[in-house]
Amino acid sequence: MKAFGSAVILAGGRSTRMGFDKQLLKMNDKRVCHHLITLLNSRFDDIMVATPTPHLYQGENVRIIPDIYRGIGPLGGIHAALVGAKSEAVFTIACDMPFLELPYIDYMMGEMARGTYDACVTQCGDYLETFHAFYCRSALPALEEAASQGDCSVHRFARSIRSLVIPQKTAAAFSPDWLAFTNLNTPEEYELFLQKTRTPPKGAR
């Protein structure tokens, strides 16, 4: 099995704070998920979506994967992706994270190729950015152990395995405004995002 090639979009959340399904978030009149799929296809040949609503992806070049462990949040999507992956490492991003940094993905893959790791995540102060990250099939035993014990924390999971942690200063060189790790949780955040990314009409200054 090759080292890289698979990616997953986690799209199974309840979107409670947003008030509507975050899979329907848009960016310049296209769904954020479609935007992510387009970008991911430039680096990965196996794109998976962990979602309970597969009809939203008809016509997209993706595979729909169901959770095997249900009710454990994003950890269930990561688990399903690792089980179904066509490569050892799986790039993982959430459907409400509209800013993908392809050069940073390339950098992470290069760093992972230097050693043996179960994951690659990014440091932000004392916090780990557990999405816009890589997880490897070698982490499956630890993930399944956590799931069986009811521990659904992706952060604790990432700290319990052999994670390559990219320092904040290094990551900031690729994403100075930390946009790569932005996620949209509330209507207010979404409205601000739309204001900043809305394409002006042709001829407008």
N, C-alpha and C. Protein backbone atom coordinates (compact mmCIF):
# COMPACT_ATOMS: atom_id res chain seq x y z
N MET A 1 0.85 -1.20 0.00
CA MET A 1 0.00 0.00 0.00
C MET A 1 0.89 1.25 0.00
N LYS A 2 0.56 2.21 -0.85
CA LYS A 2 1.38 3.41 -0.94
C LYS A 2 1.21 4.29 0.30
N ALA A 3 2.17 5.18 0.50
CA ALA A 3 2.17 6.02 1.71
C ALA A 3 1.06 7.05 1.70
N PHE A 4 0.89 7.74 0.57
CA PHE A 4 -0.09 8.82 0.48
C PHE A 4 -1.00 8.60 -0.74
N GLY A 5 -2.17 9.23 -0.69
CA GLY A 5 -3.09 9.11 -1.81
C GLY A 5 -4.54 9.27 -1.41
N SER A 6 -4.84 9.03 -0.12
CA SER A 6 -6.22 9.13 0.36
C SER A 6 -6.44 10.39 1.19
N ALA A 7 -7.65 10.91 1.09
CA ALA A 7 -8.07 12.07 1.90
C ALA A 7 -9.53 11.87 2.27
N VAL A 8 -9.93 12.46 3.39
CA VAL A 8 -11.32 12.36 3.82
C VAL A 8 -11.84 13.71 4.26
N ILE A 9 -13.08 14.00 3.90
CA ILE A 9 -13.81 15.15 4.40
C ILE A 9 -14.80 14.64 5.43
N LEU A 10 -14.68 15.12 6.66
CA LEU A 10 -15.59 14.71 7.72
C LEU A 10 -16.83 15.60 7.65
N ALA A 11 -17.97 14.99 7.38
CA ALA A 11 -19.20 15.76 7.15
C ALA A 11 -20.39 15.13 7.86
N GLY A 12 -20.14 14.57 9.03
CA GLY A 12 -21.21 13.88 9.72
C GLY A 12 -21.70 14.57 10.98
N GLY A 13 -21.27 15.83 11.19
CA GLY A 13 -21.65 16.53 12.42
C GLY A 13 -23.10 16.96 12.44
N ARG A 14 -23.56 17.35 13.64
CA ARG A 14 -24.96 17.74 13.80
C ARG A 14 -25.22 19.21 13.47
N SER A 15 -24.15 20.02 13.37
CA SER A 15 -24.28 21.45 13.00
C SER A 15 -25.23 22.20 13.93
N THR A 16 -25.20 21.87 15.21
CA THR A 16 -26.15 22.45 16.17
C THR A 16 -26.01 23.96 16.27
N ARG A 17 -24.78 24.43 16.40
CA ARG A 17 -24.58 25.88 16.57
C ARG A 17 -24.87 26.66 15.29
N MET A 18 -24.61 26.05 14.13
CA MET A 18 -24.85 26.75 12.87
C MET A 18 -26.35 26.87 12.60
N GLY A 19 -27.13 25.88 12.99
CA GLY A 19 -28.57 25.93 12.77
C GLY A 19 -29.03 25.28 11.47
N PHE A 20 -28.10 24.89 10.61
CA PHE A 20 -28.42 24.13 9.41
C PHE A 20 -27.21 23.27 9.06
N ASP A 21 -27.42 22.31 8.19
CA ASP A 21 -26.37 21.35 7.84
C ASP A 21 -25.16 22.07 7.25
N LYS A 22 -24.01 21.93 7.89
CA LYS A 22 -22.82 22.64 7.41
C LYS A 22 -22.31 22.10 6.08
N GLN A 23 -22.82 20.98 5.63
CA GLN A 23 -22.47 20.51 4.30
C GLN A 23 -23.02 21.44 3.22
N LEU A 24 -23.95 22.30 3.59
CA LEU A 24 -24.58 23.23 2.64
C LEU A 24 -23.90 24.60 2.65
N LEU A 25 -22.86 24.78 3.46
CA LEU A 25 -22.13 26.05 3.46
C LEU A 25 -21.61 26.33 2.05
N LYS A 26 -21.66 27.60 1.66
CA LYS A 26 -21.23 27.97 0.31
C LYS A 26 -20.05 28.94 0.33
N MET A 27 -19.33 28.93 -0.77
CA MET A 27 -18.19 29.83 -0.99
C MET A 27 -18.23 30.24 -2.45
N ASN A 28 -18.52 31.51 -2.69
CA ASN A 28 -18.66 32.01 -4.07
C ASN A 28 -19.65 31.17 -4.87
N ASP A 29 -20.82 30.95 -4.26
CA ASP A 29 -21.94 30.27 -4.89
C ASP A 29 -21.74 28.78 -5.12
N LYS A 30 -20.65 28.22 -4.61
CA LYS A 30 -20.44 26.77 -4.67
C LYS A 30 -20.30 26.24 -3.25
N ARG A 31 -20.77 25.03 -3.05
CA ARG A 31 -20.65 24.47 -1.71
C ARG A 31 -19.18 24.33 -1.32
N VAL A 32 -18.88 24.63 -0.06
CA VAL A 32 -17.52 24.50 0.45
C VAL A 32 -17.00 23.09 0.20
N CYS A 33 -17.85 22.10 0.37
CA CYS A 33 -17.44 20.71 0.15
C CYS A 33 -16.98 20.49 -1.29
N HIS A 34 -17.67 21.08 -2.25
CA HIS A 34 -17.26 20.96 -3.66
C HIS A 34 -15.90 21.62 -3.87
N HIS A 35 -15.71 22.78 -3.24
CA HIS A 35 -14.43 23.49 -3.33
C HIS A 35 -13.31 22.62 -2.76
N LEU A 36 -13.55 21.99 -1.62
CA LEU A 36 -12.54 21.14 -1.00
C LEU A 36 -12.23 19.93 -1.89
N ILE A 37 -13.26 19.32 -2.44
CA ILE A 37 -13.06 18.15 -3.30
C ILE A 37 -12.20 18.52 -4.50
N THR A 38 -12.47 19.67 -5.10
CA THR A 38 -11.69 20.11 -6.27
C THR A 38 -10.22 20.27 -5.91
N LEU A 39 -9.94 20.91 -4.79
CA LEU A 39 -8.55 21.11 -4.37
C LEU A 39 -7.89 19.78 -3.99
N LEU A 40 -8.60 18.96 -3.26
CA LEU A 40 -8.02 17.68 -2.83
C LEU A 40 -7.69 16.79 -4.02
N ASN A 41 -8.48 16.88 -5.07
CA ASN A 41 -8.23 16.07 -6.26
C ASN A 41 -6.91 16.43 -6.95
N SER A 42 -6.36 17.59 -6.62
CA SER A 42 -5.07 17.97 -7.20
C SER A 42 -3.89 17.31 -6.48
N ARG A 43 -4.16 16.69 -5.33
CA ARG A 43 -3.09 16.04 -4.57
C ARG A 43 -3.36 14.56 -4.27
N PHE A 44 -4.64 14.18 -4.24
CA PHE A 44 -5.01 12.82 -3.82
C PHE A 44 -5.89 12.17 -4.88
N ASP A 45 -5.70 10.87 -5.07
CA ASP A 45 -6.52 10.17 -6.07
C ASP A 45 -7.64 9.36 -5.44
N ASP A 46 -7.75 9.42 -4.12
CA ASP A 46 -8.81 8.70 -3.41
C ASP A 46 -9.43 9.65 -2.39
N ILE A 47 -10.56 10.24 -2.76
CA ILE A 47 -11.24 11.20 -1.88
C ILE A 47 -12.46 10.53 -1.27
N MET A 48 -12.51 10.51 0.05
CA MET A 48 -13.64 9.94 0.77
C MET A 48 -14.42 11.04 1.47
N VAL A 49 -15.71 10.82 1.67
CA VAL A 49 -16.53 11.73 2.47
C VAL A 49 -17.26 10.89 3.51
N ALA A 50 -17.06 11.23 4.77
CA ALA A 50 -17.79 10.56 5.85
C ALA A 50 -19.05 11.36 6.12
N THR A 51 -20.19 10.84 5.65
CA THR A 51 -21.43 11.61 5.71
C THR A 51 -22.63 10.67 5.82
N PRO A 52 -23.69 11.11 6.51
CA PRO A 52 -24.93 10.34 6.53
C PRO A 52 -25.87 10.70 5.39
N THR A 53 -25.43 11.67 4.55
CA THR A 53 -26.30 12.14 3.45
C THR A 53 -25.55 12.04 2.11
N PRO A 54 -25.37 10.83 1.60
CA PRO A 54 -24.59 10.65 0.37
C PRO A 54 -25.17 11.32 -0.85
N HIS A 55 -26.48 11.59 -0.86
CA HIS A 55 -27.09 12.20 -2.05
C HIS A 55 -26.52 13.58 -2.34
N LEU A 56 -25.92 14.23 -1.34
CA LEU A 56 -25.35 15.56 -1.56
C LEU A 56 -24.10 15.51 -2.43
N TYR A 57 -23.59 14.32 -2.70
CA TYR A 57 -22.33 14.20 -3.43
C TYR A 57 -22.49 13.44 -4.74
N GLN A 58 -23.71 13.38 -5.23
CA GLN A 58 -23.93 12.75 -6.52
C GLN A 58 -23.17 13.50 -7.60
N GLY A 59 -22.43 12.78 -8.41
CA GLY A 59 -21.67 13.39 -9.49
C GLY A 59 -20.28 13.82 -9.09
N GLU A 60 -19.96 13.77 -7.79
CA GLU A 60 -18.62 14.14 -7.33
C GLU A 60 -17.70 12.93 -7.40
N ASN A 61 -16.43 13.19 -7.59
CA ASN A 61 -15.43 12.13 -7.69
C ASN A 61 -14.97 11.73 -6.28
N VAL A 62 -15.89 11.11 -5.53
CA VAL A 62 -15.61 10.74 -4.15
C VAL A 62 -16.19 9.36 -3.84
N ARG A 63 -15.72 8.77 -2.73
CA ARG A 63 -16.32 7.57 -2.17
C ARG A 63 -17.01 7.95 -0.86
N ILE A 64 -18.21 7.49 -0.65
CA ILE A 64 -18.93 7.75 0.59
C ILE A 64 -18.65 6.61 1.56
N ILE A 65 -18.25 6.96 2.78
CA ILE A 65 -17.93 5.92 3.76
C ILE A 65 -18.82 6.11 4.99
N PRO A 66 -19.47 5.06 5.45
CA PRO A 66 -20.29 5.13 6.67
C PRO A 66 -19.44 4.89 7.91
N ASP A 67 -19.83 5.49 9.02
CA ASP A 67 -19.16 5.23 10.28
C ASP A 67 -19.36 3.77 10.69
N ILE A 68 -18.32 3.18 11.21
CA ILE A 68 -18.41 1.83 11.78
C ILE A 68 -18.74 1.95 13.27
N TYR A 69 -18.04 2.87 13.94
CA TYR A 69 -18.38 3.24 15.31
C TYR A 69 -19.31 4.45 15.22
N ARG A 70 -20.53 4.30 15.62
CA ARG A 70 -21.49 5.40 15.53
C ARG A 70 -21.59 6.14 16.87
N GLY A 71 -21.87 7.43 16.77
CA GLY A 71 -22.10 8.22 17.97
C GLY A 71 -20.84 8.66 18.69
N ILE A 72 -19.68 8.59 18.03
CA ILE A 72 -18.45 9.04 18.69
C ILE A 72 -17.85 10.26 17.98
N GLY A 73 -18.65 10.93 17.17
CA GLY A 73 -18.21 12.18 16.57
C GLY A 73 -17.14 11.99 15.50
N PRO A 74 -16.26 13.00 15.35
CA PRO A 74 -15.24 12.97 14.29
C PRO A 74 -14.32 11.76 14.37
N LEU A 75 -14.11 11.23 15.57
CA LEU A 75 -13.23 10.06 15.70
C LEU A 75 -13.80 8.88 14.90
N GLY A 76 -15.12 8.79 14.83
CA GLY A 76 -15.74 7.73 14.04
C GLY A 76 -15.47 7.89 12.56
N GLY A 77 -15.48 9.14 12.08
CA GLY A 77 -15.17 9.39 10.68
C GLY A 77 -13.72 9.09 10.35
N ILE A 78 -12.82 9.45 11.26
CA ILE A 78 -11.40 9.15 11.06
C ILE A 78 -11.20 7.64 11.00
N HIS A 79 -11.86 6.93 11.91
CA HIS A 79 -11.74 5.47 11.94
C HIS A 79 -12.22 4.86 10.63
N ALA A 80 -13.40 5.27 10.17
CA ALA A 80 -13.95 4.72 8.93
C ALA A 80 -13.02 5.01 7.76
N ALA A 81 -12.43 6.20 7.74
CA ALA A 81 -11.52 6.56 6.65
C ALA A 81 -10.27 5.70 6.66
N LEU A 82 -9.72 5.46 7.84
CA LEU A 82 -8.51 4.64 7.93
C LEU A 82 -8.79 3.20 7.53
N VAL A 83 -9.94 2.69 7.91
CA VAL A 83 -10.31 1.32 7.53
C VAL A 83 -10.45 1.21 6.01
N GLY A 84 -11.05 2.22 5.39
CA GLY A 84 -11.33 2.16 3.96
C GLY A 84 -10.28 2.77 3.06
N ALA A 85 -9.21 3.31 3.63
CA ALA A 85 -8.22 4.05 2.85
C ALA A 85 -7.47 3.16 1.87
N LYS A 86 -7.02 3.78 0.78
CA LYS A 86 -6.20 3.10 -0.21
C LYS A 86 -4.73 3.47 -0.06
N SER A 87 -4.40 4.21 1.01
CA SER A 87 -3.01 4.54 1.32
C SER A 87 -2.82 4.43 2.83
N GLU A 88 -1.57 4.43 3.26
CA GLU A 88 -1.27 4.32 4.69
C GLU A 88 -1.71 5.56 5.47
N ALA A 89 -1.51 6.73 4.88
CA ALA A 89 -1.87 7.99 5.54
C ALA A 89 -3.09 8.59 4.87
N VAL A 90 -3.93 9.22 5.67
CA VAL A 90 -5.15 9.85 5.16
C VAL A 90 -5.17 11.32 5.60
N PHE A 91 -5.21 12.22 4.63
CA PHE A 91 -5.38 13.63 4.96
C PHE A 91 -6.81 13.84 5.41
N THR A 92 -6.98 14.57 6.51
CA THR A 92 -8.29 14.70 7.15
C THR A 92 -8.66 16.16 7.35
N ILE A 93 -9.84 16.53 6.85
CA ILE A 93 -10.33 17.90 7.01
C ILE A 93 -11.84 17.83 7.23
N ALA A 94 -12.38 18.86 7.87
CA ALA A 94 -13.82 18.91 8.13
C ALA A 94 -14.52 19.74 7.06
N CYS A 95 -15.80 19.49 6.88
CA CYS A 95 -16.56 20.14 5.81
C CYS A 95 -16.78 21.63 6.06
N ASP A 96 -16.50 22.10 7.28
CA ASP A 96 -16.67 23.52 7.58
C ASP A 96 -15.34 24.26 7.62
N MET A 97 -14.30 23.67 7.00
CA MET A 97 -12.97 24.30 6.94
C MET A 97 -12.69 24.67 5.49
N PRO A 98 -12.99 25.91 5.09
CA PRO A 98 -12.96 26.25 3.66
C PRO A 98 -11.58 26.55 3.09
N PHE A 99 -10.59 26.73 3.94
CA PHE A 99 -9.28 27.16 3.44
C PHE A 99 -8.28 26.01 3.50
N LEU A 100 -7.98 25.46 2.34
CA LEU A 100 -7.03 24.36 2.23
C LEU A 100 -5.70 24.93 1.75
N GLU A 101 -4.62 24.60 2.45
CA GLU A 101 -3.29 25.09 2.08
C GLU A 101 -2.50 23.95 1.44
N LEU A 102 -2.53 23.89 0.11
CA LEU A 102 -1.86 22.80 -0.59
C LEU A 102 -0.35 22.77 -0.35
N PRO A 103 0.36 23.93 -0.33
CA PRO A 103 1.79 23.87 -0.04
C PRO A 103 2.09 23.30 1.35
N TYR A 104 1.20 23.57 2.30
CA TYR A 104 1.41 23.03 3.64
C TYR A 104 1.18 21.52 3.65
N ILE A 105 0.19 21.07 2.90
CA ILE A 105 -0.03 19.63 2.78
C ILE A 105 1.22 18.96 2.20
N ASP A 106 1.80 19.56 1.17
CA ASP A 106 3.02 19.02 0.57
C ASP A 106 4.14 18.96 1.61
N TYR A 107 4.25 20.01 2.41
CA TYR A 107 5.29 20.05 3.44
C TYR A 107 5.08 18.95 4.47
N MET A 108 3.84 18.77 4.92
CA MET A 108 3.54 17.74 5.90
C MET A 108 3.88 16.36 5.37
N MET A 109 3.54 16.08 4.12
CA MET A 109 3.87 14.79 3.54
C MET A 109 5.38 14.58 3.47
N GLY A 110 6.10 15.62 3.13
CA GLY A 110 7.56 15.51 3.08
C GLY A 110 8.17 15.21 4.44
N GLU A 111 7.65 15.87 5.48
CA GLU A 111 8.15 15.64 6.84
C GLU A 111 7.79 14.24 7.33
N MET A 112 6.59 13.78 7.02
CA MET A 112 6.18 12.44 7.45
C MET A 112 7.03 11.37 6.78
N ALA A 113 7.45 11.61 5.55
CA ALA A 113 8.25 10.63 4.82
C ALA A 113 9.63 10.43 5.43
N ARG A 114 10.02 11.33 6.33
CA ARG A 114 11.35 11.24 6.96
C ARG A 114 11.39 10.26 8.13
N GLY A 115 10.23 9.85 8.64
CA GLY A 115 10.21 8.98 9.81
C GLY A 115 9.01 8.07 9.81
N THR A 116 8.75 7.47 10.97
CA THR A 116 7.61 6.57 11.13
C THR A 116 6.64 7.20 12.13
N TYR A 117 5.45 7.55 11.67
CA TYR A 117 4.49 8.26 12.51
C TYR A 117 3.09 7.66 12.36
N ASP A 118 2.26 7.93 13.37
CA ASP A 118 0.85 7.54 13.32
C ASP A 118 -0.04 8.69 12.88
N ALA A 119 0.50 9.90 12.92
CA ALA A 119 -0.29 11.09 12.58
C ALA A 119 0.65 12.27 12.36
N CYS A 120 0.11 13.32 11.78
CA CYS A 120 0.82 14.59 11.66
C CYS A 120 -0.18 15.70 11.93
N VAL A 121 0.04 16.45 13.01
CA VAL A 121 -0.85 17.52 13.43
C VAL A 121 -0.04 18.78 13.66
N THR A 122 -0.71 19.88 13.92
CA THR A 122 -0.05 21.18 14.05
C THR A 122 -0.27 21.74 15.44
N GLN A 123 0.79 22.32 15.99
CA GLN A 123 0.72 22.93 17.32
C GLN A 123 0.24 24.37 17.22
N CYS A 124 -0.62 24.76 18.15
CA CYS A 124 -1.04 26.17 18.27
C CYS A 124 -1.08 26.49 19.75
N GLY A 125 0.00 27.05 20.28
CA GLY A 125 0.11 27.25 21.71
C GLY A 125 0.15 25.89 22.40
N ASP A 126 -0.75 25.67 23.34
CA ASP A 126 -0.85 24.37 24.01
C ASP A 126 -1.87 23.45 23.32
N TYR A 127 -2.41 23.91 22.21
CA TYR A 127 -3.51 23.21 21.53
C TYR A 127 -2.99 22.50 20.30
N LEU A 128 -3.56 21.35 19.97
CA LEU A 128 -3.25 20.67 18.73
C LEU A 128 -4.37 20.88 17.73
N GLU A 129 -4.01 21.30 16.53
CA GLU A 129 -4.97 21.39 15.43
C GLU A 129 -5.10 19.99 14.85
N THR A 130 -6.21 19.33 15.15
CA THR A 130 -6.35 17.91 14.80
C THR A 130 -6.98 17.68 13.43
N PHE A 131 -7.35 18.76 12.73
CA PHE A 131 -7.82 18.66 11.35
C PHE A 131 -6.92 19.50 10.47
N HIS A 132 -7.07 19.38 9.17
CA HIS A 132 -6.02 19.78 8.22
C HIS A 132 -4.77 19.05 8.69
N ALA A 133 -4.95 17.71 8.87
CA ALA A 133 -3.95 16.85 9.48
C ALA A 133 -3.94 15.50 8.77
N PHE A 134 -2.95 14.69 9.10
CA PHE A 134 -2.87 13.34 8.58
C PHE A 134 -2.99 12.33 9.72
N TYR A 135 -3.69 11.23 9.44
CA TYR A 135 -3.72 10.08 10.35
C TYR A 135 -3.36 8.84 9.55
N CYS A 136 -2.71 7.90 10.21
CA CYS A 136 -2.20 6.72 9.51
C CYS A 136 -2.89 5.45 9.99
N ARG A 137 -2.90 4.45 9.13
CA ARG A 137 -3.54 3.18 9.45
C ARG A 137 -2.88 2.51 10.66
N SER A 138 -1.62 2.84 10.91
CA SER A 138 -0.93 2.28 12.08
C SER A 138 -1.57 2.71 13.39
N ALA A 139 -2.38 3.77 13.34
CA ALA A 139 -3.05 4.26 14.55
C ALA A 139 -4.36 3.55 14.84
N LEU A 140 -4.79 2.66 13.94
CA LEU A 140 -6.09 2.01 14.11
C LEU A 140 -6.25 1.26 15.44
N PRO A 141 -5.25 0.48 15.89
CA PRO A 141 -5.44 -0.21 17.17
C PRO A 141 -5.69 0.76 18.33
N ALA A 142 -4.94 1.86 18.39
CA ALA A 142 -5.13 2.84 19.47
C ALA A 142 -6.49 3.52 19.34
N LEU A 143 -6.91 3.79 18.12
CA LEU A 143 -8.20 4.44 17.91
C LEU A 143 -9.34 3.51 18.34
N GLU A 144 -9.24 2.25 17.95
CA GLU A 144 -10.29 1.31 18.31
C GLU A 144 -10.34 1.06 19.81
N GLU A 145 -9.19 1.10 20.46
CA GLU A 145 -9.16 0.98 21.92
C GLU A 145 -9.85 2.16 22.57
N ALA A 146 -9.57 3.37 22.09
CA ALA A 146 -10.21 4.57 22.63
C ALA A 146 -11.72 4.52 22.41
N ALA A 147 -12.13 4.12 21.21
CA ALA A 147 -13.56 4.06 20.89
C ALA A 147 -14.27 3.03 21.76
N SER A 148 -13.62 1.91 22.00
CA SER A 148 -14.24 0.86 22.82
C SER A 148 -14.42 1.30 24.27
N GLN A 149 -13.59 2.24 24.70
CA GLN A 149 -13.68 2.75 26.07
C GLN A 149 -14.55 4.00 26.16
N GLY A 150 -15.12 4.41 25.03
CA GLY A 150 -15.99 5.58 25.03
C GLY A 150 -15.26 6.90 25.05
N ASP A 151 -13.96 6.89 24.76
CA ASP A 151 -13.18 8.13 24.73
C ASP A 151 -13.23 8.68 23.31
N CYS A 152 -14.02 9.74 23.11
CA CYS A 152 -14.25 10.27 21.76
C CYS A 152 -13.38 11.48 21.42
N SER A 153 -12.44 11.83 22.28
CA SER A 153 -11.64 13.04 22.07
C SER A 153 -10.56 12.81 21.02
N VAL A 154 -10.65 13.56 19.93
CA VAL A 154 -9.61 13.47 18.89
C VAL A 154 -8.30 14.01 19.42
N HIS A 155 -8.36 15.03 20.29
CA HIS A 155 -7.13 15.62 20.84
C HIS A 155 -6.39 14.61 21.71
N ARG A 156 -7.12 13.92 22.59
CA ARG A 156 -6.44 12.93 23.43
C ARG A 156 -5.89 11.80 22.58
N PHE A 157 -6.64 11.42 21.56
CA PHE A 157 -6.17 10.38 20.66
C PHE A 157 -4.87 10.80 19.98
N ALA A 158 -4.83 12.02 19.47
CA ALA A 158 -3.64 12.51 18.76
C ALA A 158 -2.43 12.57 19.68
N ARG A 159 -2.66 12.85 20.96
CA ARG A 159 -1.55 12.92 21.92
C ARG A 159 -1.11 11.53 22.39
N SER A 160 -1.96 10.52 22.19
CA SER A 160 -1.65 9.19 22.69
C SER A 160 -0.86 8.34 21.70
N ILE A 161 -0.75 8.82 20.46
CA ILE A 161 -0.07 8.06 19.42
C ILE A 161 1.21 8.78 19.00
N ARG A 162 1.94 8.18 18.08
CA ARG A 162 3.20 8.78 17.60
C ARG A 162 2.88 9.88 16.59
N SER A 163 2.52 11.03 17.10
CA SER A 163 2.16 12.15 16.21
C SER A 163 3.37 13.02 15.93
N LEU A 164 3.59 13.30 14.67
CA LEU A 164 4.55 14.33 14.29
C LEU A 164 3.84 15.66 14.47
N VAL A 165 4.36 16.49 15.37
CA VAL A 165 3.72 17.77 15.69
C VAL A 165 4.51 18.89 15.03
N ILE A 166 3.88 19.57 14.07
CA ILE A 166 4.53 20.69 13.39
C ILE A 166 4.41 21.93 14.27
N PRO A 167 5.53 22.61 14.57
CA PRO A 167 5.47 23.81 15.42
C PRO A 167 4.64 24.92 14.79
N GLN A 168 4.04 25.72 15.62
CA GLN A 168 3.19 26.82 15.16
C GLN A 168 3.96 27.76 14.23
N LYS A 169 5.20 28.07 14.58
CA LYS A 169 6.00 29.01 13.78
C LYS A 169 6.21 28.46 12.37
N THR A 170 6.43 27.18 12.26
CA THR A 170 6.63 26.56 10.94
C THR A 170 5.35 26.62 10.12
N ALA A 171 4.23 26.26 10.75
CA ALA A 171 2.94 26.26 10.05
C ALA A 171 2.54 27.67 9.63
N ALA A 172 2.86 28.65 10.46
CA ALA A 172 2.47 30.04 10.17
C ALA A 172 3.14 30.56 8.91
N ALA A 173 4.27 30.00 8.54
CA ALA A 173 4.93 30.43 7.30
C ALA A 173 4.09 30.04 6.08
N PHE A 174 3.28 28.99 6.20
CA PHE A 174 2.41 28.54 5.11
C PHE A 174 1.02 29.17 5.21
N SER A 175 0.59 29.47 6.42
CA SER A 175 -0.76 30.03 6.64
C SER A 175 -0.65 31.14 7.67
N PRO A 176 -0.14 32.32 7.26
CA PRO A 176 0.14 33.40 8.21
C PRO A 176 -1.07 33.83 9.04
N ASP A 177 -2.24 33.83 8.45
CA ASP A 177 -3.45 34.22 9.17
C ASP A 177 -4.15 33.02 9.82
N TRP A 178 -3.49 31.86 9.78
CA TRP A 178 -4.01 30.63 10.38
C TRP A 178 -5.33 30.21 9.71
N LEU A 179 -5.50 30.62 8.45
CA LEU A 179 -6.75 30.32 7.75
C LEU A 179 -6.94 28.83 7.53
N ALA A 180 -5.84 28.10 7.39
CA ALA A 180 -5.95 26.67 7.12
C ALA A 180 -6.73 25.95 8.22
N PHE A 181 -6.74 26.53 9.41
CA PHE A 181 -7.38 25.87 10.55
C PHE A 181 -8.68 26.55 10.96
N THR A 182 -9.17 27.44 10.09
CA THR A 182 -10.44 28.11 10.35
C THR A 182 -11.60 27.15 10.12
N ASN A 183 -12.52 27.12 11.07
CA ASN A 183 -13.77 26.40 10.81
C ASN A 183 -14.95 27.30 11.15
N LEU A 184 -16.05 27.04 10.48
CA LEU A 184 -17.24 27.89 10.58
C LEU A 184 -18.26 27.19 11.46
N ASN A 185 -18.49 27.74 12.65
CA ASN A 185 -19.36 27.08 13.63
C ASN A 185 -20.70 27.77 13.84
N THR A 186 -20.76 29.08 13.61
CA THR A 186 -21.96 29.84 13.94
C THR A 186 -22.41 30.67 12.74
N PRO A 187 -23.67 31.11 12.73
CA PRO A 187 -24.13 31.99 11.64
C PRO A 187 -23.32 33.27 11.55
N GLU A 188 -22.87 33.78 12.69
CA GLU A 188 -22.08 35.02 12.68
C GLU A 188 -20.73 34.80 11.99
N GLU A 189 -20.09 33.68 12.30
CA GLU A 189 -18.82 33.36 11.65
C GLU A 189 -19.02 33.15 10.14
N TYR A 190 -20.10 32.53 9.79
CA TYR A 190 -20.38 32.27 8.37
C TYR A 190 -20.64 33.58 7.62
N GLU A 191 -21.39 34.49 8.22
CA GLU A 191 -21.68 35.77 7.57
C GLU A 191 -20.40 36.57 7.37
N LEU A 192 -19.52 36.57 8.36
CA LEU A 192 -18.25 37.27 8.24
C LEU A 192 -17.40 36.63 7.13
N PHE A 193 -17.41 35.33 7.06
CA PHE A 193 -16.69 34.61 6.03
C PHE A 193 -17.21 34.99 4.64
N LEU A 194 -18.54 35.05 4.50
CA LEU A 194 -19.13 35.42 3.21
C LEU A 194 -18.75 36.83 2.80
N GLN A 195 -18.73 37.74 3.75
CA GLN A 195 -18.35 39.12 3.46
C GLN A 195 -16.92 39.22 2.95
N LYS A 196 -16.05 38.41 3.52
CA LYS A 196 -14.63 38.46 3.16
C LYS A 196 -14.31 37.75 1.85
N THR A 197 -15.12 36.77 1.49
CA THR A 197 -14.79 35.95 0.32
C THR A 197 -15.70 36.18 -0.87
N ARG A 198 -16.73 36.98 -0.68
CA ARG A 198 -17.69 37.20 -1.77
C ARG A 198 -16.99 37.86 -2.95
N THR A 199 -17.16 37.29 -4.15
CA THR A 199 -16.57 37.84 -5.37
C THR A 199 -17.38 39.03 -5.83
N PRO A 200 -16.74 40.21 -6.00
CA PRO A 200 -17.52 41.37 -6.45
C PRO A 200 -17.98 41.21 -7.89
N PRO A 201 -19.08 41.87 -8.27
CA PRO A 201 -19.56 41.79 -9.65
C PRO A 201 -18.51 42.27 -10.63
N LYS A 202 -18.54 41.74 -11.85
CA LYS A 202 -17.59 42.18 -12.87
C LYS A 202 -17.74 43.67 -13.12
N GLY A 203 -16.62 44.37 -13.20
CA GLY A 203 -16.64 45.81 -13.43
C GLY A 203 -16.68 46.62 -12.16
N ALA A 204 -16.93 45.95 -11.01
CA ALA A 204 -16.99 46.68 -9.74
C ALA A 204 -15.57 46.93 -9.25
N ARG A 205 -15.42 48.03 -8.52
CA ARG A 205 -14.11 48.37 -7.96
C ARG A 205 -14.14 48.24 -6.44
